Amino acid sequence: MIDLLGLPEKTYPIVGITLGVADDSQGAQIKPRVPLESFAMYEKYDQATVDKGVEQYDQQLREWWDAQQLNNMRSYAEETAAFYQNVYFPEVAKTMQQQGFQFGDE
C-alpha cells in the first residue's frame, strides 16, 4: 500500500471500514457507542475519564444486550482486553520502521 500510494517517509496508511446491510426482520435497536468524552481529550490524558467512560459504556451496552436478549455477552472492557491479547498484524512495526518511525523509551 505504501508503494502503491507513493507515501513519503514517516507516513503510514491506516484504513478502517465496515460494510453491511441491517436485517430489518430482526427489529434490533441501534447499538450505543462509546462516549466521545471518554477518549477524546484536550492537552492531557486523563485515566479517570477513561475509566469512567468504560464503566458507563459497559452499563449502556449491558442494557442494550439485555434488550436484544443477548444475555451471554462479555462486557466491553472484557471484550476489548481479550482482543488485544493477540498480535494480528506482526509486520506493522517492521514496516513502520522502514518508513522512518522509531520505537523506544526515549
N, C-alpha and C. Protein backbone atom coordinates (compact mmCIF):
# COMPACT_ATOMS: atom_id res chain seq x y z
N MET A 1 0.83 -1.19 0.00
CA MET A 1 0.00 0.00 0.00
C MET A 1 0.87 1.26 0.00
N ILE A 2 1.98 1.21 0.74
CA ILE A 2 2.88 2.36 0.80
C ILE A 2 3.42 2.69 -0.59
N ASP A 3 3.90 1.65 -1.29
CA ASP A 3 4.42 1.85 -2.64
C ASP A 3 3.31 2.28 -3.60
N LEU A 4 2.16 1.64 -3.49
CA LEU A 4 1.03 1.96 -4.37
C LEU A 4 0.64 3.43 -4.27
N LEU A 5 0.62 3.94 -3.05
CA LEU A 5 0.22 5.33 -2.82
C LEU A 5 1.38 6.31 -2.93
N GLY A 6 2.61 5.77 -3.05
CA GLY A 6 3.78 6.64 -3.13
C GLY A 6 3.97 7.48 -1.88
N LEU A 7 3.76 6.87 -0.71
CA LEU A 7 3.82 7.62 0.54
C LEU A 7 5.25 8.00 0.91
N PRO A 8 5.44 9.21 1.43
CA PRO A 8 6.78 9.64 1.86
C PRO A 8 7.14 9.02 3.20
N GLU A 9 8.40 9.21 3.58
CA GLU A 9 8.89 8.74 4.88
C GLU A 9 8.03 9.33 6.01
N LYS A 10 7.91 8.58 7.07
CA LYS A 10 7.16 8.95 8.27
C LYS A 10 5.67 9.15 8.01
N THR A 11 5.15 8.36 7.08
CA THR A 11 3.70 8.25 6.90
C THR A 11 3.36 6.78 6.89
N TYR A 12 2.12 6.46 7.28
CA TYR A 12 1.69 5.07 7.33
C TYR A 12 0.19 5.03 7.03
N PRO A 13 -0.22 4.19 6.08
CA PRO A 13 -1.65 4.14 5.73
C PRO A 13 -2.46 3.38 6.79
N ILE A 14 -3.54 3.99 7.22
CA ILE A 14 -4.46 3.35 8.17
C ILE A 14 -5.87 3.49 7.61
N VAL A 15 -6.55 2.38 7.49
CA VAL A 15 -7.90 2.38 6.93
C VAL A 15 -8.79 1.50 7.80
N GLY A 16 -9.98 1.95 8.07
CA GLY A 16 -10.96 1.15 8.78
C GLY A 16 -12.32 1.34 8.16
N ILE A 17 -12.98 0.25 7.83
CA ILE A 17 -14.29 0.36 7.20
C ILE A 17 -15.13 -0.86 7.57
N THR A 18 -16.39 -0.65 7.73
CA THR A 18 -17.32 -1.74 7.97
C THR A 18 -18.46 -1.59 6.97
N LEU A 19 -18.74 -2.65 6.25
CA LEU A 19 -19.82 -2.64 5.28
C LEU A 19 -20.84 -3.69 5.67
N GLY A 20 -22.08 -3.40 5.42
CA GLY A 20 -23.12 -4.38 5.72
C GLY A 20 -24.50 -3.78 5.54
N VAL A 21 -25.46 -4.64 5.59
CA VAL A 21 -26.86 -4.23 5.46
C VAL A 21 -27.60 -4.78 6.68
N ALA A 22 -28.33 -3.91 7.34
CA ALA A 22 -29.09 -4.33 8.51
C ALA A 22 -30.19 -5.30 8.11
N ASP A 23 -30.44 -6.27 8.98
CA ASP A 23 -31.52 -7.23 8.77
C ASP A 23 -32.77 -6.66 9.43
N ASP A 24 -33.62 -6.03 8.65
CA ASP A 24 -34.82 -5.37 9.19
C ASP A 24 -35.78 -6.34 9.85
N SER A 25 -35.70 -7.61 9.54
CA SER A 25 -36.61 -8.58 10.14
C SER A 25 -36.33 -8.79 11.62
N GLN A 26 -35.13 -8.42 12.07
CA GLN A 26 -34.75 -8.61 13.47
C GLN A 26 -35.27 -7.51 14.39
N GLY A 27 -35.50 -6.33 13.86
CA GLY A 27 -36.03 -5.24 14.67
C GLY A 27 -35.09 -4.80 15.78
N ALA A 28 -33.81 -4.90 15.58
CA ALA A 28 -32.83 -4.54 16.61
C ALA A 28 -32.77 -3.03 16.81
N GLN A 29 -32.48 -2.64 18.03
CA GLN A 29 -32.28 -1.23 18.35
C GLN A 29 -30.88 -0.82 17.91
N ILE A 30 -30.66 0.47 17.75
CA ILE A 30 -29.34 0.97 17.40
C ILE A 30 -28.41 0.75 18.59
N LYS A 31 -27.25 0.16 18.32
CA LYS A 31 -26.28 -0.13 19.37
C LYS A 31 -25.67 1.16 19.89
N PRO A 32 -25.54 1.30 21.21
CA PRO A 32 -24.92 2.50 21.76
C PRO A 32 -23.44 2.57 21.37
N ARG A 33 -22.89 3.76 21.39
CA ARG A 33 -21.48 3.98 21.06
C ARG A 33 -20.71 4.42 22.29
N VAL A 34 -19.42 4.19 22.25
CA VAL A 34 -18.55 4.63 23.35
C VAL A 34 -18.64 6.16 23.42
N PRO A 35 -18.86 6.71 24.61
CA PRO A 35 -18.98 8.16 24.74
C PRO A 35 -17.70 8.87 24.27
N LEU A 36 -17.86 9.85 23.41
CA LEU A 36 -16.72 10.59 22.86
C LEU A 36 -15.84 11.17 23.96
N GLU A 37 -16.45 11.69 24.99
CA GLU A 37 -15.66 12.32 26.06
C GLU A 37 -14.80 11.34 26.83
N SER A 38 -15.01 10.03 26.63
CA SER A 38 -14.18 9.05 27.34
C SER A 38 -12.86 8.78 26.63
N PHE A 39 -12.70 9.25 25.39
CA PHE A 39 -11.43 9.02 24.71
C PHE A 39 -10.91 10.23 23.93
N ALA A 40 -11.70 11.27 23.77
CA ALA A 40 -11.24 12.49 23.11
C ALA A 40 -10.85 13.48 24.20
N MET A 41 -9.55 13.73 24.32
CA MET A 41 -9.06 14.58 25.40
C MET A 41 -8.29 15.76 24.83
N TYR A 42 -8.21 16.81 25.59
CA TYR A 42 -7.53 18.02 25.16
C TYR A 42 -6.31 18.25 26.03
N GLU A 43 -5.16 18.29 25.38
CA GLU A 43 -3.89 18.63 26.01
C GLU A 43 -3.30 17.54 26.91
N LYS A 44 -4.12 16.79 27.65
CA LYS A 44 -3.57 15.86 28.63
C LYS A 44 -4.47 14.63 28.77
N TYR A 45 -3.84 13.45 28.83
CA TYR A 45 -4.56 12.19 29.02
C TYR A 45 -5.08 12.12 30.45
N ASP A 46 -6.31 11.64 30.61
CA ASP A 46 -6.93 11.55 31.93
C ASP A 46 -7.47 10.14 32.14
N GLN A 47 -6.73 9.31 32.88
CA GLN A 47 -7.11 7.92 33.10
C GLN A 47 -8.46 7.80 33.80
N ALA A 48 -8.76 8.69 34.73
CA ALA A 48 -10.04 8.64 35.44
C ALA A 48 -11.21 8.83 34.47
N THR A 49 -11.03 9.70 33.49
CA THR A 49 -12.07 9.92 32.47
C THR A 49 -12.28 8.67 31.64
N VAL A 50 -11.18 8.01 31.27
CA VAL A 50 -11.26 6.76 30.50
C VAL A 50 -11.99 5.70 31.32
N ASP A 51 -11.58 5.53 32.57
CA ASP A 51 -12.20 4.52 33.44
C ASP A 51 -13.70 4.76 33.58
N LYS A 52 -14.07 6.01 33.81
CA LYS A 52 -15.49 6.35 33.95
C LYS A 52 -16.24 6.05 32.65
N GLY A 53 -15.64 6.39 31.51
CA GLY A 53 -16.27 6.13 30.21
C GLY A 53 -16.46 4.65 29.95
N VAL A 54 -15.47 3.84 30.32
CA VAL A 54 -15.57 2.38 30.13
C VAL A 54 -16.68 1.82 31.01
N GLU A 55 -16.73 2.24 32.25
CA GLU A 55 -17.80 1.78 33.15
C GLU A 55 -19.17 2.18 32.62
N GLN A 56 -19.29 3.42 32.18
CA GLN A 56 -20.56 3.92 31.64
C GLN A 56 -20.96 3.11 30.41
N TYR A 57 -20.01 2.88 29.51
CA TYR A 57 -20.32 2.14 28.28
C TYR A 57 -20.65 0.68 28.58
N ASP A 58 -19.94 0.07 29.53
CA ASP A 58 -20.27 -1.30 29.94
C ASP A 58 -21.73 -1.40 30.36
N GLN A 59 -22.18 -0.43 31.15
CA GLN A 59 -23.57 -0.44 31.63
C GLN A 59 -24.55 -0.23 30.48
N GLN A 60 -24.28 0.75 29.61
CA GLN A 60 -25.17 1.01 28.47
C GLN A 60 -25.25 -0.21 27.55
N LEU A 61 -24.10 -0.82 27.31
CA LEU A 61 -24.06 -1.97 26.42
C LEU A 61 -24.78 -3.17 27.03
N ARG A 62 -24.59 -3.35 28.34
CA ARG A 62 -25.29 -4.46 29.02
C ARG A 62 -26.79 -4.27 28.89
N GLU A 63 -27.30 -3.08 29.09
CA GLU A 63 -28.74 -2.81 28.95
C GLU A 63 -29.20 -3.07 27.52
N TRP A 64 -28.39 -2.67 26.54
CA TRP A 64 -28.74 -2.88 25.14
C TRP A 64 -28.76 -4.37 24.82
N TRP A 65 -27.73 -5.11 25.28
CA TRP A 65 -27.69 -6.56 25.05
C TRP A 65 -28.89 -7.25 25.69
N ASP A 66 -29.22 -6.85 26.89
CA ASP A 66 -30.38 -7.45 27.56
C ASP A 66 -31.65 -7.21 26.76
N ALA A 67 -31.80 -6.00 26.21
CA ALA A 67 -32.98 -5.69 25.39
C ALA A 67 -33.01 -6.52 24.11
N GLN A 68 -31.83 -6.93 23.64
CA GLN A 68 -31.73 -7.76 22.43
C GLN A 68 -31.76 -9.25 22.77
N GLN A 69 -31.91 -9.56 24.05
CA GLN A 69 -31.89 -10.93 24.56
C GLN A 69 -30.55 -11.61 24.28
N LEU A 70 -29.49 -10.85 24.43
CA LEU A 70 -28.12 -11.36 24.29
C LEU A 70 -27.48 -11.34 25.67
N ASN A 71 -27.92 -12.23 26.52
CA ASN A 71 -27.53 -12.20 27.92
C ASN A 71 -26.18 -12.85 28.22
N ASN A 72 -25.54 -13.46 27.22
CA ASN A 72 -24.29 -14.16 27.48
C ASN A 72 -23.07 -13.40 26.94
N MET A 73 -23.21 -12.12 26.68
CA MET A 73 -22.13 -11.33 26.10
C MET A 73 -21.17 -10.82 27.18
N ARG A 74 -19.87 -10.79 26.84
CA ARG A 74 -18.87 -10.24 27.76
C ARG A 74 -19.00 -8.71 27.78
N SER A 75 -18.50 -8.11 28.84
CA SER A 75 -18.53 -6.65 28.93
C SER A 75 -17.60 -6.05 27.86
N TYR A 76 -17.80 -4.79 27.59
CA TYR A 76 -16.94 -4.07 26.65
C TYR A 76 -15.49 -4.15 27.10
N ALA A 77 -15.25 -3.95 28.39
CA ALA A 77 -13.88 -3.99 28.93
C ALA A 77 -13.27 -5.38 28.72
N GLU A 78 -14.02 -6.43 29.01
CA GLU A 78 -13.51 -7.79 28.83
C GLU A 78 -13.26 -8.10 27.36
N GLU A 79 -14.18 -7.71 26.50
CA GLU A 79 -14.05 -7.98 25.07
C GLU A 79 -12.85 -7.23 24.48
N THR A 80 -12.67 -5.99 24.87
CA THR A 80 -11.55 -5.20 24.37
C THR A 80 -10.22 -5.77 24.87
N ALA A 81 -10.16 -6.14 26.14
CA ALA A 81 -8.93 -6.74 26.69
C ALA A 81 -8.60 -8.04 25.97
N ALA A 82 -9.61 -8.86 25.70
CA ALA A 82 -9.39 -10.13 25.00
C ALA A 82 -8.87 -9.89 23.59
N PHE A 83 -9.40 -8.88 22.91
CA PHE A 83 -8.96 -8.57 21.55
C PHE A 83 -7.47 -8.26 21.50
N TYR A 84 -7.00 -7.48 22.46
CA TYR A 84 -5.61 -7.05 22.45
C TYR A 84 -4.64 -8.07 23.03
N GLN A 85 -5.09 -9.28 23.29
CA GLN A 85 -4.20 -10.36 23.71
C GLN A 85 -3.49 -10.98 22.52
N ASN A 86 -3.94 -10.70 21.31
CA ASN A 86 -3.37 -11.29 20.10
C ASN A 86 -2.64 -10.24 19.27
N VAL A 87 -1.61 -10.68 18.56
CA VAL A 87 -0.92 -9.82 17.60
C VAL A 87 -1.49 -10.17 16.23
N TYR A 88 -2.28 -9.27 15.67
CA TYR A 88 -2.97 -9.55 14.41
C TYR A 88 -2.14 -9.17 13.19
N PHE A 89 -1.29 -8.19 13.33
CA PHE A 89 -0.51 -7.71 12.20
C PHE A 89 0.97 -7.61 12.60
N PRO A 90 1.67 -8.75 12.60
CA PRO A 90 3.04 -8.77 13.11
C PRO A 90 4.05 -7.96 12.28
N GLU A 91 3.72 -7.60 11.07
CA GLU A 91 4.65 -6.87 10.21
C GLU A 91 4.53 -5.36 10.33
N VAL A 92 3.55 -4.88 11.08
CA VAL A 92 3.32 -3.43 11.14
C VAL A 92 4.53 -2.68 11.68
N ALA A 93 5.10 -3.13 12.80
CA ALA A 93 6.23 -2.42 13.39
C ALA A 93 7.41 -2.37 12.42
N LYS A 94 7.71 -3.49 11.77
CA LYS A 94 8.82 -3.53 10.81
C LYS A 94 8.57 -2.55 9.66
N THR A 95 7.36 -2.54 9.14
CA THR A 95 7.03 -1.64 8.04
C THR A 95 7.11 -0.18 8.48
N MET A 96 6.65 0.11 9.68
CA MET A 96 6.71 1.49 10.18
C MET A 96 8.16 1.93 10.37
N GLN A 97 9.03 1.01 10.84
CA GLN A 97 10.45 1.35 10.97
C GLN A 97 11.06 1.63 9.60
N GLN A 98 10.65 0.88 8.59
CA GLN A 98 11.13 1.13 7.23
C GLN A 98 10.67 2.50 6.73
N GLN A 99 9.58 2.99 7.28
CA GLN A 99 9.06 4.31 6.91
C GLN A 99 9.70 5.43 7.74
N GLY A 100 10.63 5.07 8.63
CA GLY A 100 11.36 6.09 9.38
C GLY A 100 10.91 6.28 10.82
N PHE A 101 9.90 5.54 11.26
CA PHE A 101 9.46 5.65 12.65
C PHE A 101 10.43 4.91 13.55
N GLN A 102 10.62 5.43 14.76
CA GLN A 102 11.49 4.78 15.74
C GLN A 102 10.67 4.45 16.97
N PHE A 103 10.95 3.30 17.56
CA PHE A 103 10.25 2.87 18.76
C PHE A 103 11.26 2.75 19.89
N GLY A 104 10.86 3.14 21.07
CA GLY A 104 11.75 3.02 22.22
C GLY A 104 11.22 3.82 23.38
N ASP A 105 12.00 3.82 24.44
CA ASP A 105 11.62 4.52 25.67
C ASP A 105 12.33 5.87 25.79
N GLU A 106 12.71 6.45 24.68
CA GLU A 106 13.47 7.71 24.70
C GLU A 106 12.66 8.86 25.21
